[in-house]
Protein backbone atom coordinates (compact mmCIF):
# COMPACT_ATOMS: atom_id res chain seq x y z
CA MET A 1 -129.19 101.43 104.00
CA ASP A 2 -127.85 104.24 101.85
CA SER A 3 -128.66 105.02 98.34
CA GLY A 4 -124.99 103.65 97.16
CA ALA A 5 -125.88 100.37 98.86
CA THR A 6 -129.41 99.72 97.65
CA VAL A 7 -128.13 100.45 94.03
CA HIS A 8 -125.43 97.96 94.49
CA ALA A 9 -127.76 95.60 96.07
CA LEU A 10 -130.33 96.12 93.22
CA SER A 11 -127.54 95.56 90.39
CA SER A 12 -126.28 92.57 92.19
CA LEU A 13 -129.97 91.08 92.24
CA GLY A 14 -130.60 91.87 88.65
CA ARG A 15 -127.38 90.16 87.45
CA VAL A 16 -128.74 87.04 89.58
CA LEU A 17 -132.02 87.24 87.91
CA TRP A 18 -130.48 87.53 84.28
CA ARG A 19 -128.01 84.79 85.00
CA ALA A 20 -130.76 82.50 86.38
CA ALA A 21 -132.99 83.13 83.30
CA LEU A 22 -129.88 82.35 81.15
CA ILE A 23 -129.07 78.97 82.98
CA TRP A 24 -132.90 78.24 82.98
CA PHE A 25 -133.21 78.76 79.33
CA ALA A 26 -130.23 76.48 78.46
CA LEU A 27 -131.72 73.86 80.79
CA ALA A 28 -134.99 74.09 78.88
CA ILE A 29 -133.24 73.48 75.69
CA ALA A 30 -131.32 70.64 77.18
CA ALA A 31 -134.41 68.93 78.22
CA ILE A 32 -136.06 69.34 74.82
CA VAL A 33 -133.10 68.10 73.11
CA CYS A 34 -133.07 65.01 75.52
CA GLY A 35 -137.02 64.74 74.93
CA ILE A 36 -136.57 64.65 71.22
CA LEU A 37 -133.52 62.16 71.22
CA ARG A 38 -135.29 59.65 73.68
CA GLN A 39 -138.52 59.65 71.44
CA ALA A 40 -136.50 59.38 68.26
CA LEU A 41 -133.75 56.93 69.66
CA LEU A 42 -134.58 55.28 72.82
CA ALA A 43 -138.34 54.65 72.66
CA PRO A 44 -138.31 52.68 69.59
CA ARG A 45 -135.95 50.28 71.17
CA VAL A 46 -137.16 49.86 74.49
CA GLY A 47 -140.44 51.05 74.44
CA GLY A 48 -142.32 54.40 75.71
CA GLN A 49 -142.34 53.88 79.68
CA ALA A 50 -138.66 52.46 79.82
CA ALA A 51 -137.71 55.23 77.47
CA HIS A 52 -139.38 57.73 79.79
CA VAL A 53 -137.54 56.45 83.08
CA VAL A 54 -134.19 56.47 81.44
CA GLY A 55 -134.70 59.84 80.20
CA THR A 56 -136.24 61.49 83.09
CA LEU A 57 -132.87 59.96 85.25
CA THR A 58 -130.75 61.44 82.37
CA VAL A 59 -132.26 64.82 82.58
CA CYS A 60 -132.13 64.81 86.39
CA ALA A 61 -128.29 63.84 86.24
CA LEU A 62 -127.56 66.57 83.46
CA PHE A 63 -129.18 69.12 85.27
CA ALA A 64 -127.53 68.14 88.81
CA ALA A 65 -124.42 68.52 86.82
CA ILE A 66 -124.90 71.74 85.04
CA LEU A 67 -126.42 73.12 88.22
CA ARG A 68 -123.51 72.40 90.32
CA VAL A 69 -121.15 74.26 88.01
CA ALA A 70 -123.59 77.15 87.28
CA VAL A 71 -125.17 77.95 90.84
CA PRO A 72 -122.08 79.61 91.91
CA TRP A 73 -121.91 81.62 89.08
CA VAL A 74 -125.52 82.35 89.25
CA ALA A 75 -125.78 83.47 92.76
CA PRO A 76 -122.13 83.85 94.13
CA GLY A 77 -121.85 84.12 98.07
CA TRP A 78 -125.64 83.19 98.34
CA ARG A 79 -126.40 80.97 101.47
CA ARG A 80 -128.19 77.67 101.00
CA LYS A 81 -131.65 78.89 101.98
CA GLN A 82 -131.21 81.97 99.22
CA ARG A 83 -130.39 79.03 96.80
CA LEU A 84 -133.20 76.94 97.79
CA GLY A 85 -135.33 80.15 96.65
CA LEU A 86 -133.21 80.08 93.34
CA GLY A 87 -134.22 76.29 93.06
CA ALA A 88 -137.99 77.21 93.59
CA GLY A 89 -137.79 79.98 91.02
CA TRP A 90 -136.53 77.56 88.48
CA CYS A 91 -139.24 75.24 89.43
CA ALA A 92 -141.94 77.65 89.09
CA ALA A 93 -140.56 78.90 85.83
CA THR A 94 -140.61 75.32 84.49
CA ILE A 95 -144.05 74.52 85.69
CA ALA A 96 -145.29 77.78 84.50
CA PHE A 97 -143.77 77.15 81.07
CA GLU A 98 -144.91 73.45 80.85
CA PHE A 99 -148.65 74.12 81.62
CA GLY A 100 -148.75 77.52 79.73
CA PHE A 101 -146.73 76.32 76.53
CA GLY A 102 -148.31 72.71 76.90
CA HIS A 103 -151.90 73.96 76.93
CA TYR A 104 -152.01 77.28 75.36
CA ILE A 105 -149.62 76.68 72.41
CA VAL A 106 -149.55 73.02 71.75
CA GLY A 107 -153.19 72.21 72.78
CA HIS A 108 -152.67 69.43 75.18
CA PRO A 109 -155.72 69.16 77.77
CA TRP A 110 -155.11 69.68 81.27
CA THR A 111 -155.52 66.15 82.37
CA LYS A 112 -152.87 64.89 79.99
CA LEU A 113 -150.38 67.74 81.46
CA LEU A 114 -151.22 66.61 84.98
CA ALA A 115 -150.83 62.97 84.28
CA ASP A 116 -147.10 63.55 84.04
CA TYR A 117 -147.14 64.14 87.99
CA ASN A 118 -148.69 60.63 88.70
CA LEU A 119 -145.79 58.77 90.28
CA PHE A 120 -148.53 55.59 90.58
CA ARG A 121 -148.56 55.48 87.06
CA GLY A 122 -144.88 55.29 86.45
CA ARG A 123 -144.54 58.98 85.75
CA LEU A 124 -141.19 60.45 86.98
CA TRP A 125 -141.29 64.15 85.95
CA VAL A 126 -141.51 65.38 89.38
CA LEU A 127 -138.05 64.27 89.95
CA VAL A 128 -136.86 66.67 87.47
CA LEU A 129 -138.66 69.29 89.48
CA LEU A 130 -137.03 68.06 92.54
CA THR A 131 -133.64 68.24 90.85
CA LEU A 132 -134.26 71.65 90.01
CA LEU A 133 -135.33 72.73 93.59
CA LEU A 134 -132.87 70.75 95.61
CA ALA A 135 -129.31 71.17 93.11
CA PRO A 136 -128.91 74.64 94.28
CA PRO A 137 -128.61 74.20 97.81
CA LEU A 138 -126.73 70.96 97.50
CA ALA A 139 -124.30 72.80 95.23
CA ALA A 140 -123.67 75.25 97.92
CA ARG A 141 -122.90 72.62 100.48
CA ARG A 142 -120.86 70.52 98.29
CA ARG A 143 -118.59 73.72 97.39
CA SER A 144 -118.20 74.87 100.91
CA ALA A 145 -117.21 71.09 102.21
């Protein structure tokens, strides 16, 4: 690859990374707002577990809708496997933020943070991560169909 092609490839990757970070930040804000609304409006009316289920499914649907529109802008021309990598990056960033912020800033113990991954106890957080992982390649398939 000549130096001009290398510079172009690096600038394209840099643009994708900046756009991916911007979308991830927007998703984080959307999830925080949904969590606040869930706790303030829904949980008092239907209880904590029901609010958790409705809130998680709402966030999944919201993320899927946002990513369906955003992924072609973030990574134009990327193939499905590449977009799966994009989703994996968003999952990794989300997990790192959740554990880093939750433990080191908020002070939650590791056991409390890990409890959100226990499907057998009705904790559905893993569905949000699956949405982040799978929405990018699915957006690619829907656009190309």
